[in-house]
């Protein structure tokens, strides 16, 4: 019975994180200078991986960019949303896998987060290389650095500051008890 309850709770939380990924770009978009640089869809996907597990993080990461693209036209479907789909899926999956494998202590939350962030950006770069190759345009190392790092610095900072605090708060069994992971 407890396992069924936890599965249902994970599904509800994943739906909540998906809704956040859908809505957050509206909020950050109001900050014209750095709105998209805040990477608003990344935060709920990373949190979903940490809190709900890698499977749900992967699923929310796969769905969020495509869902926004199909319903709102943003991000544009190809290559942006397609590449973001792989990137965010990697974020959610790696965050969840690392968090499950490592002790649930503050330093390891940072290790999990940084590993997920690096893996996601590398996956995004590989996806962009493939998609721009299909499209017949180029994707250089300078474009990778610009898109994955330089243009994302505000979002990277927000993620490093905010996500560990939220994970420590939400991962507390007194707040949400999902500890019977299988």
Protein backbone atom coordinates (compact mmCIF):
# COMPACT_ATOMS: atom_id res chain seq x y z
CA UNK A 1 0.00 0.00 0.00
CA UNK A 2 2.83 2.42 0.88
CA UNK A 3 4.62 1.69 -2.41
CA UNK A 4 1.40 2.43 -4.35
CA UNK A 5 0.99 5.70 -2.41
CA UNK A 6 4.60 6.70 -3.19
CA UNK A 7 4.12 5.92 -6.88
CA UNK A 8 1.03 8.09 -7.00
CA UNK A 9 2.78 10.89 -5.10
CA UNK A 10 5.73 10.76 -7.52
CA UNK A 11 3.34 10.97 -10.47
CA UNK A 12 1.54 13.97 -8.98
CA UNK A 13 4.83 15.71 -8.18
CA UNK A 14 6.15 14.99 -11.69
CA UNK A 15 2.99 16.56 -13.14
CA UNK A 16 3.57 19.58 -10.89
CA UNK A 17 7.19 19.87 -12.09
CA UNK A 18 6.01 19.58 -15.71
CA UNK A 19 3.50 22.38 -15.09
CA UNK A 20 6.28 24.50 -13.57
CA UNK A 21 8.49 23.86 -16.61
CA UNK A 22 5.61 25.02 -18.80
CA UNK A 23 4.86 28.19 -16.82
CA UNK A 24 8.26 29.40 -15.58
CA UNK A 25 9.44 30.77 -18.96
CA UNK A 26 6.45 33.16 -18.85
CA UNK A 27 7.75 34.54 -15.55
CA UNK A 28 11.39 34.86 -16.52
CA UNK A 29 10.48 36.13 -19.98
CA UNK A 30 9.42 39.37 -18.32
CA UNK A 31 13.10 40.08 -17.59
CA UNK A 32 14.09 41.04 -21.12
CA UNK A 33 17.86 41.23 -20.64
CA UNK A 34 18.40 37.82 -19.02
CA UNK A 35 15.03 36.02 -19.02
CA UNK A 36 15.99 33.15 -21.33
CA UNK A 37 19.48 33.04 -19.80
CA UNK A 38 17.90 31.95 -16.51
CA UNK A 39 17.10 28.55 -18.09
CA UNK A 40 13.70 28.41 -16.40
CA UNK A 41 12.72 24.95 -17.68
CA UNK A 42 15.88 23.37 -16.26
CA UNK A 43 15.02 23.99 -12.61
CA UNK A 44 11.78 21.95 -12.40
CA UNK A 45 13.29 19.12 -14.45
CA UNK A 46 16.35 18.90 -12.21
CA UNK A 47 14.15 19.03 -9.11
CA UNK A 48 11.94 16.30 -10.54
CA UNK A 49 14.96 14.04 -11.03
CA UNK A 50 16.14 14.66 -7.46
CA UNK A 51 12.74 14.34 -5.78
CA UNK A 52 10.82 11.85 -7.93
CA UNK A 53 13.69 9.76 -9.30
CA UNK A 54 15.49 9.40 -12.57
CA UNK A 55 12.56 7.88 -14.48
CA UNK A 56 10.26 10.80 -13.75
CA UNK A 57 13.05 13.33 -14.31
CA UNK A 58 13.74 11.75 -17.68
CA UNK A 59 10.04 11.76 -18.62
CA UNK A 60 9.45 15.38 -17.60
CA UNK A 61 12.64 16.42 -19.40
CA UNK A 62 11.51 14.65 -22.57
CA UNK A 63 8.01 16.11 -22.51
CA UNK A 64 8.45 19.73 -21.34
CA UNK A 65 10.25 21.35 -24.32
CA UNK A 66 8.18 19.51 -26.93
CA UNK A 67 4.92 20.27 -25.12
CA UNK A 68 5.76 24.00 -24.93
CA UNK A 69 6.88 24.03 -28.55
CA UNK A 70 3.78 22.28 -29.89
CA UNK A 71 1.32 24.32 -27.81
CA UNK A 72 3.03 27.72 -27.75
CA UNK A 73 5.58 27.69 -30.56
CA UNK A 74 8.36 28.38 -28.04
CA UNK A 75 11.00 27.17 -28.13
CA UNK A 76 10.91 26.64 -31.90
CA UNK A 77 10.54 22.93 -32.62
CA UNK A 78 13.63 22.28 -34.72
CA UNK A 79 16.37 22.28 -33.70
CA UNK A 80 15.83 24.11 -30.37
CA UNK A 81 13.02 22.10 -28.73
CA UNK A 82 14.30 18.80 -30.09
CA UNK A 83 17.79 19.44 -28.69
CA UNK A 84 16.40 20.76 -25.40
CA UNK A 85 14.37 17.56 -25.09
CA UNK A 86 17.54 15.48 -25.01
CA UNK A 87 19.30 18.00 -22.76
CA UNK A 88 16.51 18.19 -20.18
CA UNK A 89 15.96 14.42 -20.25
CA UNK A 90 19.66 14.02 -19.41
CA UNK A 91 19.36 16.57 -16.58
CA UNK A 92 16.43 14.78 -14.99
CA UNK A 93 17.83 11.28 -15.43
CA UNK A 94 21.39 12.04 -14.28
CA UNK A 95 20.23 14.11 -11.29
CA UNK A 96 17.96 11.28 -10.18
CA UNK A 97 20.51 8.52 -10.75
CA UNK A 98 23.31 10.38 -8.98
CA UNK A 99 21.08 11.38 -6.07
CA UNK A 100 19.96 7.78 -5.59
CA UNK A 101 23.53 6.42 -5.82
CA UNK A 102 25.23 8.93 -3.52
CA UNK A 103 24.67 9.66 0.17
CA UNK A 104 21.95 12.25 0.76
CA UNK A 105 24.23 14.89 2.19
CA UNK A 106 24.82 18.46 1.05
CA UNK A 107 28.16 17.94 -0.74
CA UNK A 108 26.75 15.04 -2.73
CA UNK A 109 23.74 17.07 -3.81
CA UNK A 110 26.19 19.50 -5.39
CA UNK A 111 28.12 16.63 -7.01
CA UNK A 112 24.86 15.23 -8.41
CA UNK A 113 23.72 18.65 -9.63
CA UNK A 114 27.01 19.58 -11.29
CA UNK A 115 27.28 16.16 -12.93
CA UNK A 116 23.74 16.48 -14.27
CA UNK A 117 24.40 20.02 -15.52
CA UNK A 118 27.58 18.99 -17.34
CA UNK A 119 25.98 15.85 -18.80
CA UNK A 120 22.94 17.79 -19.99
CA UNK A 121 25.02 20.45 -21.68
CA UNK A 122 27.18 17.82 -23.41
CA UNK A 123 24.04 16.01 -24.59
CA UNK A 124 22.64 19.33 -25.85
CA UNK A 125 25.89 19.97 -27.75
CA UNK A 126 25.79 16.51 -29.35
CA UNK A 127 22.12 16.95 -30.26
CA UNK A 128 22.80 20.38 -31.78
CA UNK A 129 25.72 18.98 -33.77
CA UNK A 130 23.46 16.25 -35.20
CA UNK A 131 20.45 18.51 -35.79
CA UNK A 132 22.42 21.30 -37.43
CA UNK A 133 24.11 18.67 -39.57
CA UNK A 134 20.69 17.42 -40.68
CA UNK A 135 19.57 21.00 -41.27
CA UNK A 136 22.72 21.72 -43.28
CA UNK A 137 24.02 24.47 -41.02
CA UNK A 138 27.13 24.37 -38.89
CA UNK A 139 27.60 24.03 -35.16
CA UNK A 140 31.03 25.08 -33.98
CA UNK A 141 32.77 24.70 -30.66
CA UNK A 142 32.36 28.47 -30.19
CA UNK A 143 28.59 28.07 -30.68
CA UNK A 144 28.60 25.24 -28.13
CA UNK A 145 30.46 27.37 -25.56
CA UNK A 146 28.17 30.31 -26.20
CA UNK A 147 24.94 28.30 -25.94
CA UNK A 148 25.92 25.86 -23.19
CA UNK A 149 27.97 28.11 -20.94
CA UNK A 150 28.30 31.82 -21.70
CA UNK A 151 24.62 32.56 -22.42
CA UNK A 152 23.57 30.33 -19.53
CA UNK A 153 25.70 31.85 -16.73
CA UNK A 154 22.74 33.48 -14.92
CA UNK A 155 20.81 30.20 -15.05
CA UNK A 156 23.83 28.19 -13.94
CA UNK A 157 24.24 30.47 -10.92
CA UNK A 158 20.55 30.25 -10.02
CA UNK A 159 20.61 26.46 -10.32
CA UNK A 160 23.73 26.09 -8.15
CA UNK A 161 22.27 28.36 -5.46
CA UNK A 162 18.60 27.35 -5.51
CA UNK A 163 18.41 23.64 -6.34
CA UNK A 164 20.50 22.21 -3.46
CA UNK A 165 18.48 24.24 -0.95
CA UNK A 166 15.19 23.04 -2.43
CA UNK A 167 16.41 19.44 -2.62
CA UNK A 168 17.47 19.50 1.04
CA UNK A 169 14.09 20.92 1.98
CA UNK A 170 11.93 18.68 -0.21
CA UNK A 171 14.01 15.52 0.22
CA UNK A 172 13.40 15.59 3.95
CA UNK A 173 11.13 12.64 4.89
CA UNK A 174 9.20 15.02 7.17
CA UNK A 175 8.22 17.07 4.09
CA UNK A 176 7.78 14.40 1.39
CA UNK A 177 8.46 10.78 2.22
CA UNK A 178 9.44 8.92 -0.94
CA UNK A 179 12.22 6.80 0.59
CA UNK A 180 11.13 3.31 -0.49
CA UNK A 181 12.76 3.73 -3.92
CA UNK A 182 12.96 0.61 -5.96
